[in-house]
Structures are given as C-alpha cells and as structure tokens.
Amino acid sequence: MKLQAVLFDLDDTLLWDDRSVKEAFEATCQTASQRTGVDPKLLEEAVRAEARHLYEGFETYPFTKMIGINPFEGLWANFTGGDHPMFRKLQELAPGYRTAAWTGGLARLGVDNPALGRELGEQFPKERRARPYVYDSTFRVLQQLRADYKLLLLTNGAPDLQQEKLDGVPELAGYFDHIVISGSFGEGKPSSALFHHALGLLGISPEEGVMIGDKLTTDILGSNQIGMTNIWIDHHDAGSPNGIIPAADVIVPKHRVQRLEDILPIIHSLG
C-alpha cells in the first residue's frame, strides 16, 4: 500500500527536550553552587537520583509509567489537566515533590537547607519553561512532508504539560492534522490501542503509516506491535551498525538514522 501518513513523537524527536532539561538543571544548580559552594554537576546527579527515588515511591508511579511521564517532567509540571483521578493526586503531590527532590539532593552532598531546596524547586520550572528548543531541521522537515502526507503528533505525557510544550513553540501545532496525547487517551506508547486510535483518526491502515521517534521502548516497540514501519532517530549512536540493539529484549527498528532530516529520503522511498 502507498504511504499516506507520518506519525511523529514530540520530545527529543521534534523538540530538543534533553537540552531544555539539561540547561535548566545547570542554571538551577549554579544558583545552589553560588550559595553553598557545592559542585553543580554533583548536585545535578544528586537531584536526579533523589527525584527518581521519590517518584518511584508515590502511589501514582504505575500510572505515570503507563502514561509516559518521567520524574524530571514532574519537577516542573503542574498536572492541572487530564480527567483521570491520578492527575489530581499528581497535582497535589507536585509542589512538595519539587521541594523534596532539591532538598534531598542538597542533603546528599551534606547541605541541610530546606529553604534553599524550596527556592531551587521553584527556580527549576522557570528555567525549563524559558527553554523551548526545537531541532534545527524540525520545521524544514515538517514543511516538506505536509505537502504530500497527513501528519499526526503522538506524544506520551500529561495533557497540560505536553500542551504547554507545544505552546512554547506556537508554530509547531499547525503542521499536524491531529495531536494525540497519551494522558488524554488513557494509555501511553507502546500501547497498541493508542496506536490504533491514532490510525483511526487518520483513516489509514498500519501499512499506510510510518512512525518517527527516538525511543525504542515506546515509539519503535509500539509501531512494531501493530505492523507499522518505523524510523528510529538514534541521536546518541546507541545501536550497533546493523541497527540491532544489544539488549535483553531486542527491539529492532525498520530504519535507523541519527538526524531528523535523514528521515526524508526514507519516507520518499516508502511513498
């Protein structure tokens, strides 16, 4: 069948979320360093570790894992959207979680200063919101593809946070015929139900679509499960030369590239 539509992941596929988060950590940890003398790199490691530890201990963890909301998104999300009751629990937990992660990170380095932890917990969200980065080729790629294909954005995450990321780059949403957020649907990638929902919106079969994403365990696994072609964007050269991933549970992408713009010749060959 002829290719009809291209499905895109959002974070670290079109938006450069890793860079946004990294720079937000650097700026916030620099504040702590100026105030206490701690090594900012060590503090970032400590806060990331503390955030993971706290996050996995909440009753909301199974839900956030299923929807696809990571601990560092919890450090700046408000969780005001979404109909599921777990979003209200997350909304209630979020302010204390931010404070506890930064206070605990400081404590891991021998600094007992809850007031500073609270201050840093408030600074980090501001720093992250100030950095809505996209990859250099994002708009060029979307502009070329939308002339020939339907485009759908399929992203894991909390509805209000993913919408906030899109609002931070207001030109982005207009390229897509549909935007599907896992927190609104009720299941996250790699859920086959979520992928079939997306295909239903497009009115296509799996053979008529291609999934583009950076995560093997969500974007590639999910599209593999329903028989849809995919392209893995391997930013960090994690795969072996033949595209097979050395892991206990091997997830094999149909195609592998290292830059977003490299998907264009593959898609045109499929089309």
Protein backbone atom coordinates (compact mmCIF):
# COMPACT_ATOMS: atom_id res chain seq x y z
CA MET A 1 0.00 0.00 0.00
CA LYS A 2 1.11 3.57 -0.61
CA LEU A 3 2.28 5.62 2.35
CA GLN A 4 -0.43 8.07 3.43
CA ALA A 5 0.68 9.48 6.79
CA VAL A 6 3.69 10.19 9.00
CA LEU A 7 3.35 9.92 12.78
CA PHE A 8 5.82 11.84 14.93
CA ASP A 9 6.87 11.62 18.55
CA LEU A 10 7.40 15.03 20.20
CA ASP A 11 10.09 15.03 22.91
CA ASP A 12 13.63 14.57 21.55
CA THR A 13 12.23 13.95 18.09
CA LEU A 14 10.90 17.40 17.15
CA LEU A 15 11.51 19.25 20.43
CA TRP A 16 15.01 19.07 21.92
CA ASP A 17 13.77 18.29 25.42
CA ASP A 18 17.03 16.79 26.70
CA ARG A 19 18.79 20.09 26.05
CA SER A 20 16.00 22.09 27.72
CA VAL A 21 16.13 19.94 30.85
CA LYS A 22 19.92 19.85 30.97
CA GLU A 23 20.26 23.62 30.74
CA ALA A 24 17.52 24.11 33.35
CA PHE A 25 19.45 21.85 35.73
CA GLU A 26 22.70 23.68 35.01
CA ALA A 27 21.19 27.11 35.71
CA THR A 28 19.46 25.98 38.91
CA CYS A 29 22.48 24.08 40.20
CA GLN A 30 24.65 27.12 39.53
CA THR A 31 22.44 29.12 41.89
CA ALA A 32 22.96 26.47 44.56
CA SER A 33 26.72 26.50 43.94
CA GLN A 34 26.91 30.26 44.40
CA ARG A 35 25.00 29.99 47.67
CA THR A 36 26.64 26.92 49.20
CA GLY A 37 29.78 26.07 47.24
CA VAL A 38 28.50 22.65 46.12
CA ASP A 39 29.73 21.26 42.81
CA PRO A 40 26.87 21.96 40.36
CA LYS A 41 27.47 18.77 38.37
CA LEU A 42 27.40 16.64 41.51
CA LEU A 43 24.23 18.40 42.64
CA GLU A 44 22.51 17.68 39.33
CA GLU A 45 23.37 14.00 39.69
CA ALA A 46 22.14 14.01 43.30
CA VAL A 47 18.84 15.74 42.49
CA ARG A 48 18.17 13.43 39.54
CA ALA A 49 18.78 10.42 41.79
CA GLU A 50 16.62 11.83 44.59
CA ALA A 51 13.84 12.70 42.14
CA ARG A 52 13.79 9.16 40.73
CA HIS A 53 13.75 7.67 44.23
CA LEU A 54 10.85 9.84 45.39
CA TYR A 55 8.90 9.48 42.15
CA GLU A 56 9.01 5.70 42.19
CA GLY A 57 7.70 5.68 45.76
CA PHE A 58 4.46 7.54 45.02
CA GLU A 59 1.18 5.68 44.56
CA THR A 60 0.94 7.47 41.21
CA TYR A 61 4.08 5.77 39.83
CA PRO A 62 2.39 2.88 37.97
CA PHE A 63 0.06 5.38 36.30
CA THR A 64 2.85 7.79 35.32
CA LYS A 65 4.92 4.91 33.98
CA MET A 66 1.98 3.70 31.88
CA ILE A 67 1.18 7.18 30.54
CA GLY A 68 4.86 8.00 29.97
CA ILE A 69 5.60 10.85 32.41
CA ASN A 70 9.18 10.84 33.68
CA PRO A 71 10.48 12.08 37.05
CA PHE A 72 12.06 15.22 35.61
CA GLU A 73 8.81 16.31 33.97
CA GLY A 74 7.35 16.05 37.45
CA LEU A 75 9.89 18.66 38.57
CA TRP A 76 8.13 21.34 36.50
CA ALA A 77 4.66 20.04 35.60
CA ASN A 78 1.53 21.37 37.32
CA PHE A 79 -0.75 18.44 36.31
CA THR A 80 -3.81 20.66 36.09
CA GLY A 81 -5.19 18.86 33.02
CA GLY A 82 -6.46 15.35 32.38
CA ASP A 83 -9.63 13.62 33.56
CA HIS A 84 -8.06 10.65 35.33
CA PRO A 85 -8.15 10.88 39.17
CA MET A 86 -4.41 10.21 39.29
CA PHE A 87 -3.78 13.61 37.71
CA ARG A 88 -5.43 15.25 40.72
CA LYS A 89 -3.13 13.26 43.02
CA LEU A 90 -0.15 14.35 40.94
CA GLN A 91 -1.33 17.95 41.11
CA GLU A 92 -1.42 17.67 44.89
CA LEU A 93 1.98 15.96 45.10
CA ALA A 94 3.89 18.15 42.66
CA PRO A 95 4.85 21.18 44.84
CA GLY A 96 6.12 19.03 47.70
CA TYR A 97 7.89 16.69 45.27
CA ARG A 98 9.85 19.56 43.73
CA THR A 99 10.94 20.83 47.14
CA ALA A 100 11.81 17.36 48.43
CA ALA A 101 13.87 16.45 45.35
CA TRP A 102 16.04 19.55 45.60
CA THR A 103 16.26 19.47 49.40
CA GLY A 104 17.19 15.78 49.27
CA GLY A 105 19.74 16.42 46.53
CA LEU A 106 21.42 19.06 48.67
CA ALA A 107 21.36 16.71 51.67
CA ARG A 108 23.15 14.02 49.64
CA LEU A 109 26.03 16.49 49.33
CA GLY A 110 25.97 17.39 53.03
CA VAL A 111 23.92 20.59 52.78
CA ASP A 112 20.96 20.82 55.17
CA ASN A 113 18.95 23.76 53.83
CA PRO A 114 15.21 23.13 53.24
CA ALA A 115 14.59 26.81 52.48
CA LEU A 116 17.10 26.72 49.64
CA GLY A 117 15.63 23.42 48.45
CA ARG A 118 12.23 25.08 48.19
CA GLU A 119 13.74 28.03 46.32
CA LEU A 120 15.54 25.78 43.85
CA GLY A 121 12.37 23.73 43.40
CA GLU A 122 10.64 26.93 42.27
CA GLN A 123 13.53 28.08 40.07
CA PHE A 124 13.84 24.90 38.02
CA PRO A 125 10.35 25.11 36.43
CA LYS A 126 11.03 28.73 35.40
CA GLU A 127 14.36 27.76 33.86
CA ARG A 128 12.78 24.87 31.94
CA ARG A 129 9.91 26.99 30.65
CA ALA A 130 12.38 29.56 29.35
CA ARG A 131 14.00 26.98 27.06
CA PRO A 132 11.58 25.67 24.40
CA TYR A 133 14.17 24.29 21.96
CA VAL A 134 13.48 22.59 18.65
CA TYR A 135 15.99 20.86 16.39
CA ASP A 136 17.38 22.99 13.56
CA SER A 137 15.67 20.89 10.89
CA THR A 138 12.29 20.42 12.59
CA PHE A 139 10.29 22.98 10.61
CA ARG A 140 12.08 22.27 7.33
CA VAL A 141 11.25 18.56 7.61
CA LEU A 142 7.61 19.16 8.55
CA GLN A 143 7.19 21.70 5.76
CA GLN A 144 8.41 19.22 3.16
CA LEU A 145 6.32 16.33 4.44
CA ARG A 146 3.00 18.05 4.93
CA ALA A 147 2.72 18.75 1.21
CA ASP A 148 2.43 15.02 0.48
CA TYR A 149 1.30 13.28 3.67
CA LYS A 150 -1.06 13.56 6.60
CA LEU A 151 0.86 14.33 9.78
CA LEU A 152 -0.04 13.22 13.31
CA LEU A 153 1.74 14.00 16.57
CA LEU A 154 1.68 11.07 19.00
CA THR A 155 3.20 12.01 22.34
CA ASN A 156 3.35 10.47 25.79
CA GLY A 157 2.78 12.72 28.78
CA ALA A 158 0.43 14.80 30.90
CA PRO A 159 -2.10 16.74 28.78
CA ASP A 160 -1.35 20.16 30.26
CA LEU A 161 2.43 19.72 30.16
CA GLN A 162 2.57 18.47 26.57
CA GLN A 163 0.23 21.29 25.54
CA GLU A 164 2.50 23.74 27.36
CA LYS A 165 5.49 22.41 25.41
CA LEU A 166 3.57 22.96 22.18
CA ASP A 167 2.51 26.44 23.26
CA GLY A 168 6.18 27.25 23.85
CA VAL A 169 6.77 26.74 20.12
CA PRO A 170 3.49 28.08 18.72
CA GLU A 171 4.33 27.41 15.06
CA LEU A 172 4.58 23.65 15.65
CA ALA A 173 0.98 22.53 16.19
CA GLY A 174 -0.24 23.92 12.89
CA TYR A 175 1.70 21.33 10.90
CA PHE A 176 -0.40 18.44 12.25
CA ASP A 177 -3.78 17.10 11.20
CA HIS A 178 -4.16 15.53 14.65
CA ILE A 179 -2.38 15.73 18.01
CA VAL A 180 -2.76 12.75 20.37
CA ILE A 181 -1.51 12.97 23.97
CA SER A 182 -1.36 9.75 25.96
CA GLY A 183 -2.65 11.37 29.16
CA SER A 184 -5.84 12.35 27.38
CA PHE A 185 -6.29 8.93 25.78
CA GLY A 186 -5.63 6.96 28.98
CA GLU A 187 -2.73 4.78 27.80
CA GLY A 188 0.79 5.60 26.64
CA LYS A 189 3.07 4.27 23.95
CA PRO A 190 3.78 1.40 23.27
CA SER A 191 0.07 0.63 23.79
CA SER A 192 -1.38 -0.91 20.63
CA ALA A 193 -4.73 0.65 21.49
CA LEU A 194 -3.15 4.11 21.39
CA PHE A 195 -1.55 3.45 18.01
CA HIS A 196 -4.80 2.08 16.58
CA HIS A 197 -6.62 5.15 17.90
CA ALA A 198 -4.14 7.38 16.06
CA LEU A 199 -4.54 5.39 12.84
CA GLY A 200 -8.31 5.61 13.17
CA LEU A 201 -8.12 9.40 13.31
CA LEU A 202 -6.08 9.35 10.11
CA GLY A 203 -8.32 6.78 8.46
CA ILE A 204 -5.42 4.54 7.45
CA SER A 205 -4.13 1.02 8.00
CA PRO A 206 -0.78 0.31 9.70
CA GLU A 207 0.79 -0.35 6.28
CA GLU A 208 -0.09 3.18 5.19
CA GLY A 209 1.76 4.92 8.04
CA VAL A 210 5.30 5.34 9.36
CA MET A 211 6.26 6.18 12.97
CA ILE A 212 9.18 8.52 13.69
CA GLY A 213 10.63 8.59 17.21
CA ASP A 214 13.68 8.48 19.44
CA LYS A 215 12.63 5.83 21.97
CA LEU A 216 12.88 2.14 21.19
CA THR A 217 10.69 1.08 24.10
CA THR A 218 7.77 3.32 23.12
CA ASP A 219 7.83 4.60 19.54
CA ILE A 220 9.53 1.64 17.90
CA LEU A 221 8.08 -1.16 20.02
CA GLY A 222 4.56 0.20 19.72
CA SER A 223 4.67 0.57 15.95
CA ASN A 224 6.33 -2.84 15.58
CA GLN A 225 3.48 -4.43 17.55
CA ILE A 226 0.86 -3.27 15.06
CA GLY A 227 2.91 -3.92 11.94
CA MET A 228 3.70 -0.30 11.09
CA THR A 229 7.01 0.75 9.53
CA ASN A 230 9.15 2.97 11.74
CA ILE A 231 12.29 5.09 11.74
CA TRP A 232 14.34 5.30 14.91
CA ILE A 233 16.23 8.56 15.44
CA ASP A 234 19.32 7.33 17.27
CA HIS A 235 20.72 10.67 18.41
CA HIS A 236 23.42 9.14 20.57
CA ASP A 237 24.53 6.26 18.32
CA ALA A 238 23.22 3.67 20.77
CA GLY A 239 22.66 0.96 18.17
CA SER A 240 25.10 -1.38 16.51
CA PRO A 241 25.95 -0.78 12.83
CA ASN A 242 23.26 -3.15 11.56
CA GLY A 243 20.56 -1.43 13.61
CA ILE A 244 20.07 -4.31 16.07
CA ILE A 245 20.12 -3.15 19.66
CA PRO A 246 22.23 -5.10 22.16
CA ALA A 247 19.65 -5.64 24.89
CA ALA A 248 17.93 -8.48 26.69
CA ASP A 249 14.68 -7.80 24.85
CA VAL A 250 15.77 -6.78 21.37
CA ILE A 251 13.65 -4.12 19.69
CA VAL A 252 14.59 -3.82 16.03
CA PRO A 253 13.63 -0.68 14.12
CA LYS A 254 12.88 -0.93 10.43
CA HIS A 255 15.13 2.06 9.71
CA ARG A 256 17.70 3.92 11.79
CA VAL A 257 19.04 7.46 11.37
CA GLN A 258 20.96 9.87 13.56
CA ARG A 259 19.45 13.17 12.41
CA LEU A 260 15.86 14.21 11.86
CA GLU A 261 16.50 15.36 8.28
CA ASP A 262 17.75 11.88 7.37
CA ILE A 263 14.19 10.56 7.50
CA LEU A 264 13.24 12.42 4.31
CA PRO A 265 14.81 10.12 1.69
CA ILE A 266 13.48 7.06 3.54
CA ILE A 267 9.95 8.43 3.63
CA HIS A 268 10.05 9.45 -0.01
CA SER A 269 11.19 5.94 -0.94
CA LEU A 270 8.27 4.48 1.03
CA GLY A 271 5.85 6.92 -0.54
